[in-house]
Protein backbone atom coordinates (compact mmCIF):
# COMPACT_ATOMS: atom_id res chain seq x y z
CA MET A 1 5.22 36.49 11.38
CA PRO A 2 1.85 34.94 11.34
CA ASP A 3 1.25 35.04 8.16
CA THR A 4 5.03 33.44 7.35
CA LEU A 5 3.87 30.20 9.17
CA PRO A 6 1.44 28.44 6.97
CA ALA A 7 3.96 29.13 4.55
CA LEU A 8 6.51 27.58 6.23
CA MET A 9 4.31 24.50 7.34
CA PRO A 10 5.81 22.48 4.03
CA SER A 11 8.66 22.96 4.17
CA LEU A 12 9.09 22.59 8.11
CA LEU A 13 7.05 19.15 7.31
CA ALA A 14 9.24 17.95 4.57
CA VAL A 15 12.61 18.26 6.73
CA LEU A 16 10.75 16.35 9.43
CA ALA A 17 10.09 13.95 6.96
CA GLY A 18 13.62 13.61 5.73
CA ALA A 19 15.12 13.34 9.13
CA ALA A 20 12.56 10.92 9.82
CA ILE A 21 13.70 8.78 7.08
CA GLY A 22 17.43 9.06 6.90
CA ALA A 23 16.59 8.60 10.70
CA VAL A 24 14.70 4.68 10.10
CA PHE A 25 17.87 4.24 6.64
CA TYR A 26 20.95 4.28 9.27
CA GLY A 27 18.80 3.27 12.04
CA GLY A 28 18.38 -0.06 10.07
CA LEU A 29 22.21 0.65 8.66
CA TRP A 30 23.36 0.49 12.38
CA TRP A 31 21.33 -2.76 13.03
CA THR A 32 22.51 -5.09 10.64
CA VAL A 33 26.06 -4.15 10.93
CA ARG A 34 26.19 -4.79 14.37
CA ARG A 35 24.29 -7.71 13.73
CA ALA A 36 26.46 -8.82 10.87
CA ALA A 37 29.34 -8.24 13.24
CA LYS A 38 28.30 -11.11 15.82
CA PHE A 39 27.77 -14.03 12.89
CA ARG A 40 30.23 -16.25 12.10
CA ARG A 41 29.23 -15.87 8.29
CA PRO A 42 28.87 -11.99 8.28
CA GLY A 43 28.58 -12.20 4.30
CA LEU A 44 25.27 -13.73 4.37
CA ALA A 45 23.69 -11.33 6.22
CA VAL A 46 24.21 -8.36 4.02
CA LEU A 47 22.11 -9.01 0.68
CA SER A 48 21.60 -6.59 -1.54
CA VAL A 49 18.37 -6.08 -3.06
CA VAL A 50 17.46 -5.24 -6.81
CA LEU A 51 14.57 -4.31 -7.97
CA GLN A 52 14.14 -5.04 -12.18
CA PRO A 53 10.47 -4.34 -13.92
CA PRO A 54 9.07 -7.69 -15.09
CA ARG A 55 9.64 -8.09 -18.59
CA THR A 56 7.54 -10.93 -19.55
CA GLU A 57 4.34 -12.00 -18.47
CA GLU A 58 5.89 -15.61 -16.93
CA ARG A 59 8.10 -12.83 -14.69
CA LEU A 60 5.31 -10.69 -14.18
CA ARG A 61 2.97 -14.16 -12.82
CA LYS A 62 6.25 -15.47 -10.47
CA ASN A 63 7.22 -11.71 -9.10
CA PRO A 64 5.03 -9.21 -9.78
CA LEU A 65 7.18 -6.72 -7.89
CA GLY A 66 10.28 -7.68 -9.55
CA ILE A 67 12.25 -7.30 -6.04
CA TYR A 68 15.36 -10.19 -6.72
CA ILE A 69 17.84 -10.16 -3.07
CA ASN A 70 21.18 -11.72 -4.63
CA GLY A 71 22.48 -15.01 -3.68
CA LEU A 72 19.54 -16.84 -2.42
CA SER A 73 18.33 -19.93 -4.57
CA TRP A 74 14.81 -18.90 -5.38
CA SER A 75 15.83 -15.49 -7.50
CA ARG A 76 18.12 -17.55 -9.47
CA GLU A 77 15.24 -19.56 -10.58
CA LEU A 78 13.79 -16.21 -12.54
CA ASP A 79 16.90 -16.12 -15.05
CA ALA A 80 17.70 -12.52 -14.63
CA THR A 81 18.55 -11.23 -18.30
CA GLU A 82 15.10 -13.46 -19.21
CA GLY A 83 13.16 -11.11 -21.63
CA VAL A 84 16.49 -8.66 -22.42
CA LYS A 85 17.33 -8.33 -25.77
CA LYS A 86 21.06 -9.68 -26.56
CA PRO A 87 23.38 -8.14 -28.60
């Protein structure tokens, strides 16, 4: 039995890390849904986040991480299709 404990440690750590990540995700989701239900306009509380890698130098300077929040005016300043080949 003592020989198997070191072999099980990576698996145990992975399970614990997965449980912690799941708790954070679902805890945040639960909190958001409860808070959004109290708002006068709940649609504004639940926004989607879009991850688009910068394709041009200008977009890289303006938003190096490529994270956009749909529905907010500052995201509209950068054209989401900029740098994409159009058919």
